[in-house]
């Protein structure tokens, strides 16, 4: 619990703020806009060439299964960085939408494996094309600057990522 004294100190610090150069403030504002726009993109379902819209969690699972036919729940969770408990919920949706099918491993009937259906392959290919176009634009921008500038940007982005990781760990 935050005491009244601590709250007052936090508000005073916020008002005073960190002295920020105008260029630093501009970069910070751009970074916040990028994060907000990316977050919005991640929450909106998209069309990947099939009759249903797919959420990011769904198309990324399709992508993992497409790249790793015969993958099981544990491997999917590891590749996506999610819990094993989160996988079955998305799997059910993908089976209902006709994008994947499940089967038992030949050598161990307790292991369930997954592969894409024809419809799943269409979504998978569309997702690859989406990233080729999207990623290409970003990579072209990065290719337009010097190695030194990229090294510097990489250092800055790594520090920001570490800061975000620390905040996530403390919650």
Protein backbone atom coordinates (compact mmCIF):
# COMPACT_ATOMS: atom_id res chain seq x y z
CA UNK A 1 0.00 0.00 0.00
CA UNK A 2 1.24 3.48 -0.86
CA UNK A 3 1.23 5.91 2.03
CA UNK A 4 0.02 9.50 1.63
CA UNK A 5 3.62 10.71 2.03
CA UNK A 6 4.87 8.31 -0.67
CA UNK A 7 1.99 9.28 -3.02
CA UNK A 8 2.81 12.95 -2.52
CA UNK A 9 6.48 12.27 -3.32
CA UNK A 10 5.54 10.31 -6.47
CA UNK A 11 3.26 13.11 -7.69
CA UNK A 12 5.94 15.72 -7.02
CA UNK A 13 8.50 13.64 -8.94
CA UNK A 14 6.04 13.22 -11.80
CA UNK A 15 5.39 16.97 -11.98
CA UNK A 16 9.09 17.78 -11.87
CA UNK A 17 9.78 14.95 -14.25
CA UNK A 18 13.08 13.83 -15.63
CA UNK A 19 14.85 16.58 -17.50
CA UNK A 20 14.41 15.50 -21.07
CA UNK A 21 16.04 17.04 -24.11
CA UNK A 22 13.48 17.96 -26.78
CA UNK A 23 14.96 15.32 -29.10
CA UNK A 24 14.75 12.67 -26.35
CA UNK A 25 11.15 13.66 -25.70
CA UNK A 26 10.35 13.37 -29.40
CA UNK A 27 11.94 9.88 -29.62
CA UNK A 28 10.07 8.82 -26.48
CA UNK A 29 6.76 10.04 -27.92
CA UNK A 30 7.40 8.17 -31.18
CA UNK A 31 8.26 5.01 -29.26
CA UNK A 32 5.01 5.25 -27.26
CA UNK A 33 3.01 5.73 -30.48
CA UNK A 34 4.70 2.71 -32.07
CA UNK A 35 3.95 0.59 -29.00
CA UNK A 36 0.31 1.70 -28.99
CA UNK A 37 -0.12 1.08 -32.71
CA UNK A 38 1.57 -2.33 -32.52
CA UNK A 39 -0.59 -3.23 -29.53
CA UNK A 40 -3.69 -2.24 -31.48
CA UNK A 41 -2.55 -4.34 -34.46
CA UNK A 42 -2.06 -7.31 -32.14
CA UNK A 43 -5.58 -7.13 -30.69
CA UNK A 44 -7.52 -6.72 -33.95
CA UNK A 45 -8.33 -9.88 -35.93
CA UNK A 46 -7.06 -9.95 -39.52
CA UNK A 47 -7.97 -11.64 -42.77
CA UNK A 48 -5.45 -14.26 -43.90
CA UNK A 49 -7.21 -15.40 -47.07
CA UNK A 50 -9.86 -17.61 -45.47
CA UNK A 51 -13.50 -17.04 -44.53
CA UNK A 52 -12.76 -16.16 -40.88
CA UNK A 53 -10.75 -13.42 -39.27
CA UNK A 54 -7.89 -14.64 -37.08
CA UNK A 55 -6.50 -13.12 -33.92
CA UNK A 56 -2.74 -12.80 -33.47
CA UNK A 57 -2.64 -15.71 -31.01
CA UNK A 58 -4.44 -17.91 -33.54
CA UNK A 59 -2.36 -17.06 -36.61
CA UNK A 60 0.89 -17.37 -34.66
CA UNK A 61 -0.12 -20.84 -33.54
CA UNK A 62 -0.98 -21.68 -37.16
CA UNK A 63 2.48 -20.38 -38.08
CA UNK A 64 4.23 -22.55 -35.48
CA UNK A 65 2.29 -25.65 -36.56
CA UNK A 66 2.92 -24.86 -40.24
CA UNK A 67 6.65 -24.59 -39.63
CA UNK A 68 6.70 -27.68 -37.37
CA UNK A 69 4.25 -30.33 -38.63
CA UNK A 70 3.63 -32.96 -35.97
CA UNK A 71 4.36 -30.57 -33.11
CA UNK A 72 2.80 -31.25 -29.70
CA UNK A 73 1.32 -28.98 -26.99
CA UNK A 74 4.54 -28.70 -24.97
CA UNK A 75 6.59 -27.74 -28.02
CA UNK A 76 3.97 -25.19 -29.14
CA UNK A 77 4.01 -23.56 -25.69
CA UNK A 78 7.82 -23.34 -25.73
CA UNK A 79 7.98 -21.86 -29.23
CA UNK A 80 5.28 -19.27 -28.51
CA UNK A 81 6.49 -18.46 -24.99
CA UNK A 82 3.09 -19.22 -23.45
CA UNK A 83 1.95 -21.69 -20.81
CA UNK A 84 0.92 -25.21 -21.76
CA UNK A 85 -2.48 -24.42 -20.26
CA UNK A 86 -3.08 -21.63 -22.79
CA UNK A 87 -2.46 -23.87 -25.81
CA UNK A 88 -5.60 -26.09 -25.73
CA UNK A 89 -7.97 -23.10 -25.77
CA UNK A 90 -6.45 -21.77 -28.99
CA UNK A 91 -6.14 -25.30 -30.43
CA UNK A 92 -9.90 -25.82 -29.94
CA UNK A 93 -10.67 -22.63 -31.86
CA UNK A 94 -8.33 -23.61 -34.70
CA UNK A 95 -9.85 -27.09 -34.95
CA UNK A 96 -13.38 -25.56 -34.97
CA UNK A 97 -12.32 -23.19 -37.75
CA UNK A 98 -10.93 -26.11 -39.74
CA UNK A 99 -7.34 -24.84 -39.78
CA UNK A 100 -5.61 -27.71 -37.98
CA UNK A 101 -6.20 -31.34 -37.14
CA UNK A 102 -4.94 -33.43 -34.27
CA UNK A 103 -3.73 -37.01 -34.19
CA UNK A 104 -1.97 -39.36 -31.80
CA UNK A 105 1.74 -40.04 -32.18
CA UNK A 106 2.39 -43.50 -33.61
CA UNK A 107 5.01 -44.39 -31.02
CA UNK A 108 3.22 -42.90 -27.99
CA UNK A 109 -0.59 -42.71 -28.00
CA UNK A 110 -0.53 -40.24 -25.06
CA UNK A 111 1.10 -37.56 -27.21
CA UNK A 112 -1.22 -35.52 -29.41
CA UNK A 113 0.31 -33.89 -32.46
CA UNK A 114 -0.97 -31.20 -34.82
CA UNK A 115 -0.78 -30.36 -38.52
CA UNK A 116 -2.41 -27.83 -40.81
CA UNK A 117 -5.39 -28.58 -43.00
CA UNK A 118 -5.56 -27.21 -46.56
CA UNK A 119 -7.41 -24.19 -45.18
CA UNK A 120 -4.70 -23.82 -42.52
CA UNK A 121 -2.02 -23.84 -45.22
CA UNK A 122 -3.76 -20.93 -46.97
CA UNK A 123 -3.75 -18.86 -43.75
CA UNK A 124 -0.15 -19.90 -43.07
CA UNK A 125 1.01 -18.75 -46.53
CA UNK A 126 -0.90 -15.46 -46.22
CA UNK A 127 0.73 -14.86 -42.84
CA UNK A 128 4.18 -15.44 -44.35
CA UNK A 129 3.37 -12.96 -47.15
CA UNK A 130 2.08 -10.42 -44.62
CA UNK A 131 5.37 -10.59 -42.72
CA UNK A 132 7.48 -10.49 -45.88
CA UNK A 133 5.81 -7.21 -46.84
CA UNK A 134 5.67 -5.73 -43.33
CA UNK A 135 9.18 -6.79 -42.32
CA UNK A 136 10.68 -5.73 -45.66
CA UNK A 137 9.60 -2.12 -45.16
CA UNK A 138 11.23 -2.03 -41.73
CA UNK A 139 14.40 -3.78 -42.93
CA UNK A 140 14.72 -1.36 -45.87
CA UNK A 141 14.56 1.51 -43.39
CA UNK A 142 17.27 -0.11 -41.25
CA UNK A 143 19.38 -0.76 -44.34
CA UNK A 144 19.36 2.98 -45.11
CA UNK A 145 21.47 3.84 -42.05
CA UNK A 146 25.09 3.09 -41.19
CA UNK A 147 26.31 0.07 -39.22
CA UNK A 148 27.31 2.41 -36.39
CA UNK A 149 23.82 3.90 -36.24
CA UNK A 150 22.30 0.40 -36.22
CA UNK A 151 24.67 -0.69 -33.44
CA UNK A 152 23.66 2.36 -31.42
CA UNK A 153 19.95 1.75 -32.05
CA UNK A 154 20.40 -1.88 -31.09
CA UNK A 155 22.03 -0.87 -27.79
CA UNK A 156 19.25 1.61 -26.99
CA UNK A 157 16.48 -0.85 -27.87
CA UNK A 158 18.16 -3.59 -25.81
CA UNK A 159 18.31 -1.26 -22.79
CA UNK A 160 14.63 -0.36 -23.21
CA UNK A 161 13.77 -4.07 -23.51
CA UNK A 162 15.73 -4.87 -20.32
CA UNK A 163 13.90 -2.07 -18.50
CA UNK A 164 10.53 -3.47 -19.62
CA UNK A 165 11.60 -6.99 -18.57
CA UNK A 166 12.46 -5.68 -15.08
CA UNK A 167 9.06 -4.03 -14.77
CA UNK A 168 7.32 -7.22 -15.90
CA UNK A 169 9.27 -9.29 -13.36
CA UNK A 170 8.35 -6.96 -10.51
CA UNK A 171 4.61 -7.41 -11.14
